[in-house]
């Protein structure tokens, strides 16, 4: 039986894929999302989307449901900063396969 957080992570990855984010780019997007979410925790979703565009994620616009899933995942994993995480943490934690060369 899949854990509740595992199910939430799966839903988040699926929603990002449905938005058109390539699977191999999801770890990078998640890392940027953590940076934005916890760099300024009181930003609105619209401000977060603007910041993501500024960071190069022009084709990504978080809807409320995807935003809430992301926050739930990050909080469940006790993430408050990307600085303490190894580079491959997002790939491993979200069980995302790397893109083929």
N, C-alpha and C. Protein backbone atom coordinates (compact mmCIF):
# COMPACT_ATOMS: atom_id res chain seq x y z
N UNK A 1 0.84 -1.19 0.00
CA UNK A 1 0.00 0.00 0.00
C UNK A 1 0.89 1.26 0.00
N UNK A 2 0.56 2.17 -0.87
CA UNK A 2 1.34 3.40 -1.00
C UNK A 2 1.04 4.34 0.17
N UNK A 3 2.08 5.00 0.67
CA UNK A 3 1.89 5.95 1.75
C UNK A 3 1.13 7.17 1.25
N UNK A 4 0.54 7.89 2.20
CA UNK A 4 -0.22 9.09 1.83
C UNK A 4 0.67 10.12 1.14
N UNK A 5 1.88 10.33 1.69
CA UNK A 5 2.78 11.31 1.07
C UNK A 5 3.25 10.82 -0.29
N UNK A 6 3.44 9.51 -0.44
CA UNK A 6 3.81 8.96 -1.75
C UNK A 6 2.73 9.22 -2.78
N UNK A 7 1.49 9.10 -2.36
CA UNK A 7 0.37 9.36 -3.24
C UNK A 7 0.31 10.84 -3.63
N UNK A 8 0.56 11.71 -2.67
CA UNK A 8 0.56 13.15 -2.94
C UNK A 8 1.68 13.51 -3.90
N UNK A 9 2.86 12.93 -3.68
CA UNK A 9 3.99 13.17 -4.59
C UNK A 9 3.64 12.72 -6.00
N UNK A 10 3.04 11.55 -6.10
CA UNK A 10 2.65 11.04 -7.41
C UNK A 10 1.65 11.96 -8.11
N UNK A 11 0.68 12.46 -7.35
CA UNK A 11 -0.30 13.39 -7.92
C UNK A 11 0.38 14.67 -8.39
N UNK A 12 1.35 15.17 -7.60
CA UNK A 12 2.05 16.39 -7.98
C UNK A 12 2.83 16.18 -9.28
N UNK A 13 3.58 15.09 -9.35
CA UNK A 13 4.35 14.81 -10.56
C UNK A 13 3.41 14.67 -11.76
N UNK A 14 2.30 13.97 -11.58
CA UNK A 14 1.33 13.78 -12.68
C UNK A 14 0.76 15.11 -13.14
N UNK A 15 0.42 15.98 -12.20
CA UNK A 15 -0.14 17.29 -12.58
C UNK A 15 0.90 18.12 -13.34
N UNK A 16 2.15 18.07 -12.91
CA UNK A 16 3.19 18.81 -13.61
C UNK A 16 3.39 18.25 -15.02
N UNK A 17 3.37 16.92 -15.14
CA UNK A 17 3.48 16.31 -16.47
C UNK A 17 2.29 16.73 -17.34
N UNK A 18 1.10 16.76 -16.77
CA UNK A 18 -0.09 17.17 -17.53
C UNK A 18 -0.03 18.63 -17.95
N UNK A 19 0.74 19.43 -17.22
CA UNK A 19 0.93 20.84 -17.59
C UNK A 19 1.95 20.97 -18.72
N UNK A 20 2.59 19.87 -19.08
CA UNK A 20 3.56 19.90 -20.16
C UNK A 20 5.01 19.93 -19.71
N UNK A 21 5.26 19.81 -18.41
CA UNK A 21 6.63 19.80 -17.92
C UNK A 21 7.23 18.43 -18.23
N UNK A 22 8.36 18.41 -18.92
CA UNK A 22 9.01 17.15 -19.21
C UNK A 22 9.44 16.49 -17.91
N UNK A 23 9.27 15.19 -17.85
CA UNK A 23 9.55 14.44 -16.62
C UNK A 23 10.95 14.71 -16.09
N UNK A 24 11.93 14.75 -16.96
CA UNK A 24 13.31 14.94 -16.49
C UNK A 24 13.56 16.37 -15.98
N UNK A 25 12.67 17.31 -16.27
CA UNK A 25 12.83 18.68 -15.79
C UNK A 25 12.12 18.92 -14.46
N UNK A 26 11.28 17.99 -14.04
CA UNK A 26 10.50 18.16 -12.81
C UNK A 26 11.38 18.35 -11.59
N UNK A 27 12.48 17.57 -11.40
CA UNK A 27 13.30 17.83 -10.21
C UNK A 27 13.83 19.26 -10.15
N UNK A 28 14.24 19.82 -11.28
CA UNK A 28 14.72 21.20 -11.31
C UNK A 28 13.62 22.19 -10.98
N UNK A 29 12.43 21.94 -11.51
CA UNK A 29 11.29 22.81 -11.20
C UNK A 29 10.96 22.73 -9.71
N UNK A 30 10.95 21.53 -9.15
CA UNK A 30 10.64 21.38 -7.73
C UNK A 30 11.66 22.11 -6.88
N UNK A 31 12.92 22.02 -7.26
CA UNK A 31 13.96 22.72 -6.51
C UNK A 31 13.74 24.22 -6.56
N UNK A 32 13.40 24.75 -7.73
CA UNK A 32 13.12 26.18 -7.85
C UNK A 32 11.88 26.57 -7.04
N UNK A 33 10.87 25.68 -7.04
CA UNK A 33 9.66 25.95 -6.27
C UNK A 33 9.97 26.05 -4.78
N UNK A 34 10.80 25.15 -4.28
CA UNK A 34 11.18 25.21 -2.86
C UNK A 34 11.88 26.53 -2.58
N UNK A 35 12.79 26.90 -3.45
CA UNK A 35 13.53 28.14 -3.28
C UNK A 35 12.58 29.34 -3.22
N UNK A 36 11.60 29.35 -4.11
CA UNK A 36 10.64 30.46 -4.16
C UNK A 36 9.70 30.41 -2.95
N UNK A 37 9.13 29.24 -2.67
CA UNK A 37 8.16 29.11 -1.58
C UNK A 37 8.74 29.53 -0.24
N UNK A 38 9.95 29.05 0.05
CA UNK A 38 10.50 29.27 1.37
C UNK A 38 11.42 30.47 1.44
N UNK A 39 11.78 31.02 0.29
CA UNK A 39 12.55 32.26 0.28
C UNK A 39 11.69 33.43 0.72
N UNK A 40 10.45 33.40 0.30
CA UNK A 40 9.47 34.42 0.70
C UNK A 40 8.14 33.70 0.94
N UNK A 41 7.94 33.16 2.14
CA UNK A 41 6.79 32.29 2.40
C UNK A 41 5.42 32.96 2.30
N UNK A 42 5.34 34.25 2.28
CA UNK A 42 4.04 34.91 2.24
C UNK A 42 3.65 35.40 0.85
N UNK A 43 4.37 34.91 -0.18
CA UNK A 43 4.04 35.31 -1.55
C UNK A 43 2.71 34.69 -1.96
N UNK A 44 1.97 35.40 -2.77
CA UNK A 44 0.74 34.85 -3.33
C UNK A 44 1.11 33.86 -4.44
N UNK A 45 0.14 33.05 -4.83
CA UNK A 45 0.37 32.11 -5.92
C UNK A 45 0.71 32.85 -7.20
N UNK A 46 0.06 33.98 -7.45
CA UNK A 46 0.35 34.78 -8.64
C UNK A 46 1.79 35.28 -8.61
N UNK A 47 2.27 35.72 -7.45
CA UNK A 47 3.64 36.18 -7.31
C UNK A 47 4.63 35.02 -7.50
N UNK A 48 4.27 33.86 -7.01
CA UNK A 48 5.11 32.67 -7.19
C UNK A 48 5.21 32.35 -8.67
N UNK A 49 4.09 32.38 -9.38
CA UNK A 49 4.11 32.13 -10.82
C UNK A 49 4.98 33.14 -11.55
N UNK A 50 4.89 34.41 -11.15
CA UNK A 50 5.73 35.43 -11.77
C UNK A 50 7.21 35.16 -11.51
N UNK A 51 7.53 34.74 -10.30
CA UNK A 51 8.93 34.44 -9.96
C UNK A 51 9.43 33.24 -10.77
N UNK A 52 8.58 32.23 -10.95
CA UNK A 52 8.96 31.07 -11.75
C UNK A 52 9.22 31.47 -13.20
N UNK A 53 8.41 32.38 -13.73
CA UNK A 53 8.64 32.88 -15.09
C UNK A 53 9.99 33.59 -15.14
N UNK A 54 10.27 34.42 -14.16
CA UNK A 54 11.55 35.12 -14.08
C UNK A 54 12.72 34.14 -14.06
N UNK A 55 12.52 32.99 -13.41
CA UNK A 55 13.57 31.96 -13.30
C UNK A 55 13.66 31.07 -14.53
N UNK A 56 12.79 31.32 -15.53
CA UNK A 56 12.88 30.58 -16.78
C UNK A 56 11.79 29.56 -17.02
N UNK A 57 10.85 29.44 -16.10
CA UNK A 57 9.75 28.47 -16.24
C UNK A 57 8.55 29.16 -16.87
N UNK A 58 8.70 29.62 -18.09
CA UNK A 58 7.67 30.42 -18.76
C UNK A 58 6.41 29.63 -19.10
N UNK A 59 6.54 28.33 -19.29
CA UNK A 59 5.38 27.53 -19.67
C UNK A 59 4.68 26.88 -18.49
N UNK A 60 5.08 27.24 -17.28
CA UNK A 60 4.49 26.65 -16.08
C UNK A 60 3.69 27.71 -15.35
N UNK A 61 2.43 27.40 -15.10
CA UNK A 61 1.62 28.27 -14.25
C UNK A 61 0.90 27.38 -13.25
N UNK A 62 1.28 27.52 -11.99
CA UNK A 62 0.69 26.69 -10.95
C UNK A 62 -0.75 27.10 -10.70
N UNK A 63 -1.65 26.12 -10.76
CA UNK A 63 -3.02 26.38 -10.33
C UNK A 63 -3.08 26.12 -8.82
N UNK A 64 -4.21 26.42 -8.22
CA UNK A 64 -4.32 26.30 -6.76
C UNK A 64 -4.09 24.87 -6.28
N UNK A 65 -4.63 23.89 -6.99
CA UNK A 65 -4.50 22.50 -6.58
C UNK A 65 -3.04 22.04 -6.63
N UNK A 66 -2.34 22.37 -7.70
CA UNK A 66 -0.93 21.98 -7.84
C UNK A 66 -0.09 22.68 -6.79
N UNK A 67 -0.38 23.94 -6.53
CA UNK A 67 0.32 24.70 -5.49
C UNK A 67 0.15 24.03 -4.13
N UNK A 68 -1.09 23.66 -3.80
CA UNK A 68 -1.35 23.02 -2.50
C UNK A 68 -0.67 21.66 -2.39
N UNK A 69 -0.64 20.89 -3.48
CA UNK A 69 0.06 19.61 -3.46
C UNK A 69 1.55 19.82 -3.21
N UNK A 70 2.12 20.80 -3.87
CA UNK A 70 3.55 21.08 -3.70
C UNK A 70 3.86 21.47 -2.26
N UNK A 71 3.07 22.37 -1.70
CA UNK A 71 3.28 22.81 -0.32
C UNK A 71 3.16 21.61 0.62
N UNK A 72 2.15 20.76 0.41
CA UNK A 72 1.97 19.59 1.27
C UNK A 72 3.18 18.65 1.19
N UNK A 73 3.69 18.44 -0.01
CA UNK A 73 4.87 17.58 -0.18
C UNK A 73 6.08 18.16 0.53
N UNK A 74 6.33 19.44 0.32
CA UNK A 74 7.50 20.07 0.92
C UNK A 74 7.41 20.09 2.44
N UNK A 75 6.23 20.37 2.96
CA UNK A 75 6.06 20.39 4.41
C UNK A 75 6.18 18.98 5.00
N UNK A 76 5.63 17.98 4.32
CA UNK A 76 5.72 16.60 4.81
C UNK A 76 7.17 16.11 4.85
N UNK A 77 7.98 16.61 3.94
CA UNK A 77 9.40 16.24 3.90
C UNK A 77 10.25 17.16 4.76
N UNK A 78 9.62 18.09 5.46
CA UNK A 78 10.32 19.04 6.33
C UNK A 78 11.37 19.84 5.56
N UNK A 79 11.01 20.24 4.37
CA UNK A 79 11.92 21.03 3.55
C UNK A 79 11.67 22.51 3.83
N UNK A 80 12.72 23.20 4.18
CA UNK A 80 12.58 24.65 4.33
C UNK A 80 13.70 25.39 3.60
N UNK A 81 14.57 24.62 2.96
CA UNK A 81 15.66 25.23 2.22
C UNK A 81 16.25 24.20 1.27
N UNK A 82 16.66 24.62 0.10
CA UNK A 82 17.32 23.70 -0.83
C UNK A 82 18.81 23.58 -0.52
N UNK A 83 19.32 24.47 0.28
CA UNK A 83 20.76 24.48 0.54
C UNK A 83 21.25 23.20 1.20
N UNK A 84 20.44 22.59 2.03
CA UNK A 84 20.89 21.41 2.76
C UNK A 84 20.63 20.10 2.01
N UNK A 85 20.06 20.19 0.82
CA UNK A 85 19.71 18.98 0.08
C UNK A 85 20.75 18.66 -0.98
N UNK A 86 21.08 17.36 -1.12
CA UNK A 86 21.99 17.00 -2.21
C UNK A 86 21.33 17.25 -3.57
N UNK A 87 22.15 17.40 -4.59
CA UNK A 87 21.65 17.76 -5.92
C UNK A 87 20.61 16.79 -6.46
N UNK A 88 20.76 15.51 -6.16
CA UNK A 88 19.83 14.52 -6.72
C UNK A 88 18.66 14.20 -5.79
N UNK A 89 18.50 14.95 -4.72
CA UNK A 89 17.45 14.65 -3.76
C UNK A 89 16.06 14.65 -4.39
N UNK A 90 15.76 15.64 -5.21
CA UNK A 90 14.43 15.74 -5.81
C UNK A 90 14.15 14.57 -6.74
N UNK A 91 15.17 14.15 -7.49
CA UNK A 91 15.01 13.01 -8.38
C UNK A 91 14.72 11.76 -7.57
N UNK A 92 15.46 11.55 -6.50
CA UNK A 92 15.28 10.35 -5.67
C UNK A 92 13.98 10.40 -4.87
N UNK A 93 13.71 11.52 -4.25
CA UNK A 93 12.54 11.65 -3.38
C UNK A 93 11.23 11.52 -4.14
N UNK A 94 11.21 12.03 -5.37
CA UNK A 94 9.98 11.99 -6.15
C UNK A 94 9.98 10.84 -7.16
N UNK A 95 10.97 9.94 -7.05
CA UNK A 95 11.05 8.75 -7.90
C UNK A 95 10.89 9.09 -9.38
N UNK A 96 11.70 10.03 -9.82
CA UNK A 96 11.64 10.49 -11.20
C UNK A 96 12.85 9.94 -11.94
N UNK A 97 12.61 9.30 -13.06
CA UNK A 97 13.70 8.79 -13.89
C UNK A 97 14.31 9.93 -14.68
N UNK A 98 15.61 9.88 -14.79
CA UNK A 98 16.32 10.90 -15.57
C UNK A 98 15.97 10.76 -17.05
N UNK A 99 16.11 11.84 -17.79
CA UNK A 99 15.90 11.80 -19.23
C UNK A 99 17.05 11.06 -19.89
N UNK A 100 16.74 10.39 -20.95
CA UNK A 100 17.77 9.73 -21.74
C UNK A 100 18.57 10.80 -22.48
N UNK A 101 19.87 10.55 -22.71
CA UNK A 101 20.69 11.55 -23.43
C UNK A 101 20.25 11.71 -24.86
